[in-house]
Amino acid sequence: MLLLDEPTEGIQPSIIKDLARLLRDIRSVRNICIVVCEQVLSLVLDVADRILVMEGGRIVHADTRDHVDEAAIARFPAV
């Protein structure tokens, strides 16, 4: 399992797509679970299979990437 806490923090926006590609490659080559806490929703949507949103220690939204309501989760500071 690979745990990442805001991996895009301080990274130039043009590099975020490269980071997403790298994470997808790592997941497929190593066949591991990657857990990411992130504020950049585009990275999450590009990498995640499942999206969970927590607020106040509780899960307030959970769905698969294909069915996620972007407007519903965009108001939260981190996904």
PDB file of N, CA and C in Angstrom:
ATOM      1  N   MET A   1       0.843  -1.167   0.000  1.00  0.00           N
ATOM      2  CA  MET A   1       0.000   0.000   0.000  1.00  0.00           C
ATOM      3  C   MET A   1       0.894   1.237   0.000  1.00  0.00           C
ATOM      4  N   LEU A   2       0.510   2.212  -0.797  1.00  0.00           N
ATOM      5  CA  LEU A   2       1.219   3.485  -0.858  1.00  0.00           C
ATOM      6  C   LEU A   2       0.274   4.567  -0.358  1.00  0.00           C
ATOM      7  N   LEU A   3       0.680   5.307   0.666  1.00  0.00           N
ATOM      8  CA  LEU A   3      -0.128   6.393   1.224  1.00  0.00           C
ATOM      9  C   LEU A   3       0.495   7.727   0.849  1.00  0.00           C
ATOM     10  N   LEU A   4      -0.316   8.620   0.273  1.00  0.00           N
ATOM     11  CA  LEU A   4       0.173   9.933  -0.140  1.00  0.00           C
ATOM     12  C   LEU A   4      -0.716  11.021   0.451  1.00  0.00           C
ATOM     13  N   ASP A   5      -0.101  11.980   1.095  1.00  0.00           N
ATOM     14  CA  ASP A   5      -0.830  13.114   1.661  1.00  0.00           C
ATOM     15  C   ASP A   5      -0.486  14.358   0.852  1.00  0.00           C
ATOM     16  N   GLU A   6      -1.429  14.800   0.049  1.00  0.00           N
ATOM     17  CA  GLU A   6      -1.295  15.975  -0.805  1.00  0.00           C
ATOM     18  C   GLU A   6       0.000  15.961  -1.629  1.00  0.00           C
ATOM     19  N   PRO A   7       0.146  14.973  -2.493  1.00  0.00           N
ATOM     20  CA  PRO A   7       1.375  14.880  -3.289  1.00  0.00           C
ATOM     21  C   PRO A   7       1.579  16.044  -4.259  1.00  0.00           C
ATOM     22  N   THR A   8       0.546  16.811  -4.547  1.00  0.00           N
ATOM     23  CA  THR A   8       0.706  17.934  -5.485  1.00  0.00           C
ATOM     24  C   THR A   8       1.064  19.236  -4.785  1.00  0.00           C
ATOM     25  N   GLU A   9       1.156  19.217  -3.472  1.00  0.00           N
ATOM     26  CA  GLU A   9       1.477  20.431  -2.715  1.00  0.00           C
ATOM     27  C   GLU A   9       2.800  21.012  -3.195  1.00  0.00           C
ATOM     28  N   GLY A  10       2.758  22.226  -3.681  1.00  0.00           N
ATOM     29  CA  GLY A  10       3.959  22.916  -4.109  1.00  0.00           C
ATOM     30  C   GLY A  10       4.467  22.499  -5.482  1.00  0.00           C
ATOM     31  N   ILE A  11       3.723  21.656  -6.165  1.00  0.00           N
ATOM     32  CA  ILE A  11       4.163  21.189  -7.481  1.00  0.00           C
ATOM     33  C   ILE A  11       3.555  22.078  -8.563  1.00  0.00           C
ATOM     34  N   GLN A  12       4.344  22.374  -9.551  1.00  0.00           N
ATOM     35  CA  GLN A  12       3.898  23.167 -10.692  1.00  0.00           C
ATOM     36  C   GLN A  12       2.705  22.469 -11.361  1.00  0.00           C
ATOM     37  N   PRO A  13       1.627  23.210 -11.671  1.00  0.00           N
ATOM     38  CA  PRO A  13       0.421  22.597 -12.255  1.00  0.00           C
ATOM     39  C   PRO A  13       0.680  21.750 -13.501  1.00  0.00           C
ATOM     40  N   SER A  14       1.632  22.120 -14.308  1.00  0.00           N
ATOM     41  CA  SER A  14       1.901  21.341 -15.530  1.00  0.00           C
ATOM     42  C   SER A  14       2.472  19.951 -15.225  1.00  0.00           C
ATOM     43  N   ILE A  15       2.951  19.744 -14.014  1.00  0.00           N
ATOM     44  CA  ILE A  15       3.548  18.461 -13.644  1.00  0.00           C
ATOM     45  C   ILE A  15       2.507  17.510 -13.045  1.00  0.00           C
ATOM     46  N   ILE A  16       1.343  18.016 -12.692  1.00  0.00           N
ATOM     47  CA  ILE A  16       0.324  17.195 -12.039  1.00  0.00           C
ATOM     48  C   ILE A  16      -0.111  16.034 -12.930  1.00  0.00           C
ATOM     49  N   LYS A  17      -0.276  16.261 -14.217  1.00  0.00           N
ATOM     50  CA  LYS A  17      -0.646  15.165 -15.132  1.00  0.00           C
ATOM     51  C   LYS A  17       0.450  14.105 -15.186  1.00  0.00           C
ATOM     52  N   ASP A  18       1.715  14.537 -15.120  1.00  0.00           N
ATOM     53  CA  ASP A  18       2.827  13.581 -15.084  1.00  0.00           C
ATOM     54  C   ASP A  18       2.762  12.749 -13.808  1.00  0.00           C
ATOM     55  N   LEU A  19       2.436  13.387 -12.695  1.00  0.00           N
ATOM     56  CA  LEU A  19       2.310  12.677 -11.421  1.00  0.00           C
ATOM     57  C   LEU A  19       1.174  11.657 -11.497  1.00  0.00           C
ATOM     58  N   ALA A  20       0.055  12.037 -12.075  1.00  0.00           N
ATOM     59  CA  ALA A  20      -1.073  11.109 -12.217  1.00  0.00           C
ATOM     60  C   ALA A  20      -0.671   9.905 -13.053  1.00  0.00           C
ATOM     61  N   ARG A  21       0.015  10.140 -14.145  1.00  0.00           N
ATOM     62  CA  ARG A  21       0.473   9.045 -15.015  1.00  0.00           C
ATOM     63  C   ARG A  21       1.419   8.121 -14.239  1.00  0.00           C
ATOM     64  N   LEU A  22       2.324   8.706 -13.471  1.00  0.00           N
ATOM     65  CA  LEU A  22       3.259   7.919 -12.669  1.00  0.00           C
ATOM     66  C   LEU A  22       2.522   7.057 -11.646  1.00  0.00           C
ATOM     67  N   LEU A  23       1.543   7.624 -10.975  1.00  0.00           N
ATOM     68  CA  LEU A  23       0.779   6.862  -9.982  1.00  0.00           C
ATOM     69  C   LEU A  23       0.011   5.717 -10.633  1.00  0.00           C
ATOM     70  N   ARG A  24      -0.583   5.952 -11.790  1.00  0.00           N
ATOM     71  CA  ARG A  24      -1.279   4.867 -12.503  1.00  0.00           C
ATOM     72  C   ARG A  24      -0.300   3.765 -12.897  1.00  0.00           C
ATOM     73  N   ASP A  25       0.891   4.162 -13.349  1.00  0.00           N
ATOM     74  CA  ASP A  25       1.913   3.175 -13.720  1.00  0.00           C
ATOM     75  C   ASP A  25       2.354   2.357 -12.509  1.00  0.00           C
ATOM     76  N   ILE A  26       2.598   3.015 -11.408  1.00  0.00           N
ATOM     77  CA  ILE A  26       3.007   2.307 -10.178  1.00  0.00           C
ATOM     78  C   ILE A  26       1.932   1.308  -9.764  1.00  0.00           C
ATOM     79  N   ARG A  27       0.685   1.754  -9.819  1.00  0.00           N
ATOM     80  CA  ARG A  27      -0.425   0.871  -9.420  1.00  0.00           C
ATOM     81  C   ARG A  27      -0.493  -0.360 -10.309  1.00  0.00           C
ATOM     82  N   SER A  28      -0.343  -0.173 -11.594  1.00  0.00           N
ATOM     83  CA  SER A  28      -0.468  -1.318 -12.503  1.00  0.00           C
ATOM     84  C   SER A  28       0.743  -2.247 -12.446  1.00  0.00           C
ATOM     85  N   VAL A  29       1.934  -1.690 -12.344  1.00  0.00           N
ATOM     86  CA  VAL A  29       3.148  -2.518 -12.310  1.00  0.00           C
ATOM     87  C   VAL A  29       3.277  -3.266 -10.984  1.00  0.00           C
ATOM     88  N   ARG A  30       3.028  -2.566  -9.889  1.00  0.00           N
ATOM     89  CA  ARG A  30       3.181  -3.161  -8.556  1.00  0.00           C
ATOM     90  C   ARG A  30       1.915  -3.845  -8.054  1.00  0.00           C
ATOM     91  N   ASN A  31       0.781  -3.561  -8.707  1.00  0.00           N
ATOM     92  CA  ASN A  31      -0.503  -4.114  -8.292  1.00  0.00           C
ATOM     93  C   ASN A  31      -0.774  -3.829  -6.809  1.00  0.00           C
ATOM     94  N   ILE A  32      -0.630  -2.552  -6.437  1.00  0.00           N
ATOM     95  CA  ILE A  32      -0.831  -2.155  -5.041  1.00  0.00           C
ATOM     96  C   ILE A  32      -1.960  -1.141  -4.936  1.00  0.00           C
ATOM     97  N   CYS A  33      -2.449  -1.002  -3.732  1.00  0.00           N
ATOM     98  CA  CYS A  33      -3.457  -0.001  -3.420  1.00  0.00           C
ATOM     99  C   CYS A  33      -2.742   1.325  -3.153  1.00  0.00           C
ATOM    100  N   ILE A  34      -3.275   2.395  -3.712  1.00  0.00           N
ATOM    101  CA  ILE A  34      -2.730   3.727  -3.461  1.00  0.00           C
ATOM    102  C   ILE A  34      -3.828   4.564  -2.833  1.00  0.00           C
ATOM    103  N   VAL A  35      -3.544   5.108  -1.659  1.00  0.00           N
ATOM    104  CA  VAL A  35      -4.490   5.972  -0.951  1.00  0.00           C
ATOM    105  C   VAL A  35      -3.939   7.384  -1.013  1.00  0.00           C
ATOM    106  N   VAL A  36      -4.757   8.309  -1.525  1.00  0.00           N
ATOM    107  CA  VAL A  36      -4.312   9.688  -1.721  1.00  0.00           C
ATOM    108  C   VAL A  36      -5.282  10.637  -1.045  1.00  0.00           C
ATOM    109  N   CYS A  37      -4.764  11.524  -0.213  1.00  0.00           N
ATOM    110  CA  CYS A  37      -5.525  12.648   0.321  1.00  0.00           C
ATOM    111  C   CYS A  37      -5.068  13.858  -0.479  1.00  0.00           C
ATOM    112  N   GLU A  38      -6.000  14.506  -1.164  1.00  0.00           N
ATOM    113  CA  GLU A  38      -5.597  15.514  -2.133  1.00  0.00           C
ATOM    114  C   GLU A  38      -6.628  16.620  -2.272  1.00  0.00           C
ATOM    115  N   GLN A  39      -6.160  17.839  -2.530  1.00  0.00           N
ATOM    116  CA  GLN A  39      -7.030  18.983  -2.781  1.00  0.00           C
ATOM    117  C   GLN A  39      -7.266  19.213  -4.272  1.00  0.00           C
ATOM    118  N   VAL A  40      -6.405  18.680  -5.119  1.00  0.00           N
ATOM    119  CA  VAL A  40      -6.544  18.869  -6.556  1.00  0.00           C
ATOM    120  C   VAL A  40      -7.468  17.774  -7.091  1.00  0.00           C
ATOM    121  N   LEU A  41      -8.720  18.158  -7.323  1.00  0.00           N
ATOM    122  CA  LEU A  41      -9.732  17.194  -7.741  1.00  0.00           C
ATOM    123  C   LEU A  41      -9.389  16.538  -9.070  1.00  0.00           C
ATOM    124  N   SER A  42      -8.776  17.259  -9.985  1.00  0.00           N
ATOM    125  CA  SER A  42      -8.433  16.674 -11.283  1.00  0.00           C
ATOM    126  C   SER A  42      -7.483  15.489 -11.130  1.00  0.00           C
ATOM    127  N   LEU A  43      -6.538  15.571 -10.197  1.00  0.00           N
ATOM    128  CA  LEU A  43      -5.628  14.445  -9.960  1.00  0.00           C
ATOM    129  C   LEU A  43      -6.412  13.254  -9.421  1.00  0.00           C
ATOM    130  N   VAL A  44      -7.276  13.503  -8.472  1.00  0.00           N
ATOM    131  CA  VAL A  44      -8.072  12.427  -7.875  1.00  0.00           C
ATOM    132  C   VAL A  44      -8.909  11.735  -8.948  1.00  0.00           C
ATOM    133  N   LEU A  45      -9.571  12.517  -9.781  1.00  0.00           N
ATOM    134  CA  LEU A  45     -10.417  11.934 -10.824  1.00  0.00           C
ATOM    135  C   LEU A  45      -9.602  11.188 -11.870  1.00  0.00           C
ATOM    136  N   ASP A  46      -8.360  11.579 -12.047  1.00  0.00           N
ATOM    137  CA  ASP A  46      -7.485  10.939 -13.022  1.00  0.00           C
ATOM    138  C   ASP A  46      -6.899   9.627 -12.503  1.00  0.00           C
ATOM    139  N   VAL A  47      -6.776   9.488 -11.197  1.00  0.00           N
ATOM    140  CA  VAL A  47      -6.062   8.358 -10.603  1.00  0.00           C
ATOM    141  C   VAL A  47      -6.979   7.369  -9.873  1.00  0.00           C
ATOM    142  N   ALA A  48      -8.012   7.867  -9.219  1.00  0.00           N
ATOM    143  CA  ALA A  48      -8.793   7.052  -8.284  1.00  0.00           C
ATOM    144  C   ALA A  48      -9.768   6.096  -8.958  1.00  0.00           C
ATOM    145  N   ASP A  49      -9.968   4.960  -8.325  1.00  0.00           N
ATOM    146  CA  ASP A  49     -11.051   4.040  -8.686  1.00  0.00           C
ATOM    147  C   ASP A  49     -12.277   4.371  -7.835  1.00  0.00           C
ATOM    148  N   ARG A  50     -12.008   4.666  -6.555  1.00  0.00           N
ATOM    149  CA  ARG A  50     -13.070   5.038  -5.608  1.00  0.00           C
ATOM    150  C   ARG A  50     -12.695   6.359  -4.964  1.00  0.00           C
ATOM    151  N   ILE A  51     -13.709   7.150  -4.680  1.00  0.00           N
ATOM    152  CA  ILE A  51     -13.488   8.457  -4.066  1.00  0.00           C
ATOM    153  C   ILE A  51     -14.305   8.528  -2.785  1.00  0.00           C
ATOM    154  N   LEU A  52     -13.609   8.856  -1.702  1.00  0.00           N
ATOM    155  CA  LEU A  52     -14.246   9.056  -0.403  1.00  0.00           C
ATOM    156  C   LEU A  52     -13.958  10.476   0.044  1.00  0.00           C
ATOM    157  N   VAL A  53     -14.974  11.134   0.565  1.00  0.00           N
ATOM    158  CA  VAL A  53     -14.803  12.485   1.085  1.00  0.00           C
ATOM    159  C   VAL A  53     -15.143  12.448   2.565  1.00  0.00           C
ATOM    160  N   MET A  54     -14.221  12.965   3.377  1.00  0.00           N
ATOM    161  CA  MET A  54     -14.452  13.006   4.820  1.00  0.00           C
ATOM    162  C   MET A  54     -14.555  14.443   5.289  1.00  0.00           C
ATOM    163  N   GLU A  55     -15.419  14.641   6.271  1.00  0.00           N
ATOM    164  CA  GLU A  55     -15.541  15.941   6.912  1.00  0.00           C
ATOM    165  C   GLU A  55     -15.820  15.684   8.387  1.00  0.00           C
ATOM    166  N   GLY A  56     -15.036  16.285   9.236  1.00  0.00           N
ATOM    167  CA  GLY A  56     -15.216  16.089  10.671  1.00  0.00           C
ATOM    168  C   GLY A  56     -15.044  14.645  11.106  1.00  0.00           C
ATOM    169  N   GLY A  57     -14.177  13.915  10.405  1.00  0.00           N
ATOM    170  CA  GLY A  57     -13.908  12.523  10.770  1.00  0.00           C
ATOM    171  C   GLY A  57     -14.933  11.525  10.258  1.00  0.00           C
ATOM    172  N   ARG A  58     -15.899  11.989   9.473  1.00  0.00           N
ATOM    173  CA  ARG A  58     -16.930  11.101   8.932  1.00  0.00           C
ATOM    174  C   ARG A  58     -16.916  11.120   7.416  1.00  0.00           C
ATOM    175  N   ILE A  59     -17.217   9.982   6.838  1.00  0.00           N
ATOM    176  CA  ILE A  59     -17.341   9.913   5.389  1.00  0.00           C
ATOM    177  C   ILE A  59     -18.676  10.541   4.997  1.00  0.00           C
ATOM    178  N   VAL A  60     -18.607  11.586   4.168  1.00  0.00           N
ATOM    179  CA  VAL A  60     -19.815  12.299   3.758  1.00  0.00           C
ATOM    180  C   VAL A  60     -20.167  12.048   2.295  1.00  0.00           C
ATOM    181  N   HIS A  61     -19.267  11.403   1.581  1.00  0.00           N
ATOM    182  CA  HIS A  61     -19.531  11.072   0.181  1.00  0.00           C
ATOM    183  C   HIS A  61     -18.629   9.908  -0.207  1.00  0.00           C
ATOM    184  N   ALA A  62     -19.188   8.934  -0.891  1.00  0.00           N
ATOM    185  CA  ALA A  62     -18.410   7.792  -1.372  1.00  0.00           C
ATOM    186  C   ALA A  62     -19.020   7.308  -2.680  1.00  0.00           C
ATOM    187  N   ASP A  63     -18.176   7.112  -3.666  1.00  0.00           N
ATOM    188  CA  ASP A  63     -18.654   6.637  -4.957  1.00  0.00           C
ATOM    189  C   ASP A  63     -17.473   6.180  -5.796  1.00  0.00           C
ATOM    190  N   THR A  64     -17.772   5.522  -6.905  1.00  0.00           N
ATOM    191  CA  THR A  64     -16.730   5.174  -7.854  1.00  0.00           C
ATOM    192  C   THR A  64     -16.435   6.393  -8.720  1.00  0.00           C
ATOM    193  N   ARG A  65     -15.281   6.415  -9.328  1.00  0.00           N
ATOM    194  CA  ARG A  65     -14.901   7.543 -10.185  1.00  0.00           C
ATOM    195  C   ARG A  65     -15.925   7.745 -11.291  1.00  0.00           C
ATOM    196  N   ASP A  66     -16.425   6.666 -11.866  1.00  0.00           N
ATOM    197  CA  ASP A  66     -17.367   6.758 -12.982  1.00  0.00           C
ATOM    198  C   ASP A  66     -18.712   7.366 -12.591  1.00  0.00           C
ATOM    199  N   HIS A  67     -19.059   7.288 -11.324  1.00  0.00           N
ATOM    200  CA  HIS A  67     -20.364   7.768 -10.875  1.00  0.00           C
ATOM    201  C   HIS A  67     -20.289   8.972  -9.939  1.00  0.00           C
ATOM    202  N   VAL A  68     -19.104   9.472  -9.707  1.00  0.00           N
ATOM    203  CA  VAL A  68     -18.939  10.554  -8.732  1.00  0.00           C
ATOM    204  C   VAL A  68     -19.599  11.844  -9.237  1.00  0.00           C
ATOM    205  N   ASP A  69     -20.199  12.555  -8.318  1.00  0.00           N
ATOM    206  CA  ASP A  69     -20.810  13.855  -8.603  1.00  0.00           C
ATOM    207  C   ASP A  69     -19.761  14.921  -8.292  1.00  0.00           C
ATOM    208  N   GLU A  70     -19.063  15.401  -9.331  1.00  0.00           N
ATOM    209  CA  GLU A  70     -17.972  16.357  -9.132  1.00  0.00           C
ATOM    210  C   GLU A  70     -18.429  17.616  -8.410  1.00  0.00           C
ATOM    211  N   ALA A  71     -19.599  18.103  -8.724  1.00  0.00           N
ATOM    212  CA  ALA A  71     -20.106  19.316  -8.070  1.00  0.00           C
ATOM    213  C   ALA A  71     -20.319  19.091  -6.577  1.00  0.00           C
ATOM    214  N   ALA A  72     -20.748  17.899  -6.210  1.00  0.00           N
ATOM    215  CA  ALA A  72     -21.006  17.596  -4.798  1.00  0.00           C
ATOM    216  C   ALA A  72     -19.711  17.543  -3.987  1.00  0.00           C
ATOM    217  N   ILE A  73     -18.634  17.063  -4.602  1.00  0.00           N
ATOM    218  CA  ILE A  73     -17.394  16.935  -3.825  1.00  0.00           C
ATOM    219  C   ILE A  73     -16.462  18.138  -3.986  1.00  0.00           C
ATOM    220  N   ALA A  74     -16.680  18.950  -4.985  1.00  0.00           N
ATOM    221  CA  ALA A  74     -15.785  20.089  -5.227  1.00  0.00           C
ATOM    222  C   ALA A  74     -15.815  21.104  -4.094  1.00  0.00           C
ATOM    223  N   ARG A  75     -16.860  21.113  -3.288  1.00  0.00           N
ATOM    224  CA  ARG A  75     -16.950  22.102  -2.204  1.00  0.00           C
ATOM    225  C   ARG A  75     -16.109  21.735  -0.977  1.00  0.00           C
ATOM    226  N   PHE A  76     -15.606  20.509  -0.945  1.00  0.00           N
ATOM    227  CA  PHE A  76     -14.796  20.069   0.184  1.00  0.00           C
ATOM    228  C   PHE A  76     -13.335  20.416  -0.075  1.00  0.00           C
ATOM    229  N   PRO A  77     -12.572  20.743   0.985  1.00  0.00           N
ATOM    230  CA  PRO A  77     -11.177  21.168   0.792  1.00  0.00           C
ATOM    231  C   PRO A  77     -10.222  20.067   0.349  1.00  0.00           C
ATOM    232  N   ALA A  78     -10.534  18.817   0.680  1.00  0.00           N
ATOM    233  CA  ALA A  78      -9.657  17.710   0.294  1.00  0.00           C
ATOM    234  C   ALA A  78     -10.510  16.495  -0.007  1.00  0.00           C
ATOM    235  N   VAL A  79     -10.038  15.679  -0.933  1.00  0.00           N
ATOM    236  CA  VAL A  79     -10.772  14.475  -1.343  1.00  0.00           C
ATOM    237  C   VAL A  79      -9.906  13.269  -1.064  1.00  0.00           C
TER     238      VAL A  79
END
